[in-house]
Amino acid sequence: AISSAEGDIPNIRLVTSQAADELINIDGIKASFVLYQNGENTNISARSYGAINVQLVMEELGGGGHQTMAACQLQSCDTEDATKRLRKAIDNYFRKI
């Protein structure tokens, strides 16, 4: 699941982390990625229950974390471009496994 938060949301970093946690509770979702704009940058919070190693996906985008909880920050990147880059990183992950 890929989602994004837009607008002036207090505690946006916490909110997107919680949203990523909730998305993986939906039946059939193996991993969740929630994006939000932070000035000129886009941040991505990623979660899974282990079926997909989100750390490897985030590492391809310059981030990191743990197999089930990871994140990244894309410099000078809007959410539209970040979503495209994320989809490509996910596709690359599945090609490698």
Protein backbone atom coordinates (compact mmCIF):
# COMPACT_ATOMS: atom_id res chain seq x y z
CA ALA A 1 0.00 0.00 0.00
CA ILE A 2 1.28 3.46 -0.87
CA SER A 3 -0.34 6.56 0.59
CA SER A 4 0.55 10.18 1.16
CA ALA A 5 -0.38 12.81 3.70
CA GLU A 6 -0.86 16.35 2.48
CA GLY A 7 -1.48 19.65 4.18
CA ASP A 8 -0.34 21.25 7.38
CA ILE A 9 -0.73 18.37 9.84
CA PRO A 10 0.63 18.75 13.37
CA ASN A 11 3.14 16.01 14.27
CA ILE A 12 3.19 14.81 10.66
CA ARG A 13 6.13 12.47 11.23
CA LEU A 14 4.29 10.66 14.02
CA VAL A 15 1.00 10.63 12.08
CA THR A 16 2.57 9.06 8.98
CA SER A 17 4.35 6.42 11.06
CA GLN A 18 1.05 5.51 12.69
CA ALA A 19 -0.69 5.47 9.30
CA ALA A 20 1.95 3.07 7.95
CA ASP A 21 1.38 0.86 11.00
CA GLU A 22 -2.38 0.84 10.41
CA LEU A 23 -2.15 0.13 6.68
CA ILE A 24 -0.36 -3.18 7.20
CA ASN A 25 -3.34 -4.31 9.29
CA ILE A 26 -5.50 -4.36 6.14
CA ASP A 27 -6.02 -7.89 4.86
CA GLY A 28 -3.70 -8.66 1.93
CA ILE A 29 -1.30 -5.75 2.52
CA LYS A 30 2.28 -7.04 2.80
CA ALA A 31 3.97 -3.65 3.25
CA SER A 32 2.94 -0.03 3.62
CA PHE A 33 4.64 3.18 2.58
CA VAL A 34 3.38 6.61 3.64
CA LEU A 35 4.89 9.75 2.12
CA TYR A 36 4.76 13.36 3.26
CA GLN A 37 6.27 16.60 2.03
CA ASN A 38 8.67 18.36 4.40
CA GLY A 39 9.65 21.63 2.76
CA GLU A 40 11.58 20.73 -0.39
CA ASN A 41 11.98 17.10 0.68
CA THR A 42 9.71 14.08 0.84
CA ASN A 43 9.91 11.62 3.69
CA ILE A 44 8.74 8.00 3.46
CA SER A 45 7.77 5.80 6.40
CA ALA A 46 7.69 2.07 5.61
CA ARG A 47 6.31 -0.92 7.54
CA SER A 48 5.83 -4.65 7.02
CA TYR A 49 5.32 -7.81 9.02
CA GLY A 50 8.42 -9.35 7.41
CA ALA A 51 7.05 -10.68 4.11
CA ILE A 52 8.75 -7.73 2.39
CA ASN A 53 12.04 -6.33 3.66
CA VAL A 54 11.24 -2.61 3.70
CA GLN A 55 14.78 -1.83 4.84
CA LEU A 56 16.11 -2.96 1.46
CA VAL A 57 13.54 -0.84 -0.37
CA MET A 58 14.41 2.24 1.71
CA GLU A 59 18.15 1.63 1.33
CA GLU A 60 17.76 1.84 -2.44
CA LEU A 61 16.34 5.34 -1.88
CA GLY A 62 19.14 6.35 0.48
CA GLY A 63 17.40 5.49 3.75
CA GLY A 64 17.50 2.55 6.07
CA GLY A 65 16.07 0.96 9.15
CA HIS A 66 15.00 -2.57 9.94
CA GLN A 67 13.39 -5.35 7.92
CA THR A 68 9.94 -4.45 9.26
CA MET A 69 10.35 -0.70 9.94
CA ALA A 70 12.33 1.71 7.80
CA ALA A 71 12.31 5.22 6.36
CA CYS A 72 14.03 7.60 4.01
CA GLN A 73 14.18 11.26 3.07
CA LEU A 74 14.39 12.27 -0.56
CA GLN A 75 16.10 15.63 -0.99
CA SER A 76 14.56 18.23 -3.34
CA CYS A 77 11.78 15.83 -4.31
CA ASP A 78 8.01 16.29 -4.36
CA THR A 79 5.59 13.50 -3.43
CA GLU A 80 4.75 12.74 -7.07
CA ASP A 81 8.38 12.13 -8.01
CA ALA A 82 8.98 10.33 -4.70
CA THR A 83 6.10 7.97 -5.44
CA LYS A 84 7.59 7.15 -8.84
CA ARG A 85 11.00 6.50 -7.29
CA LEU A 86 9.42 4.37 -4.57
CA ARG A 87 7.53 2.23 -7.09
CA LYS A 88 10.76 1.69 -9.01
CA ALA A 89 12.59 0.68 -5.81
CA ILE A 90 9.80 -1.78 -4.98
CA ASP A 91 9.97 -3.26 -8.48
CA ASN A 92 13.76 -3.59 -8.15
CA TYR A 93 13.33 -5.32 -4.79
CA PHE A 94 11.06 -7.95 -6.33
CA ARG A 95 13.45 -8.48 -9.26
CA LYS A 96 16.28 -9.23 -6.82
CA ILE A 97 14.48 -11.72 -4.56
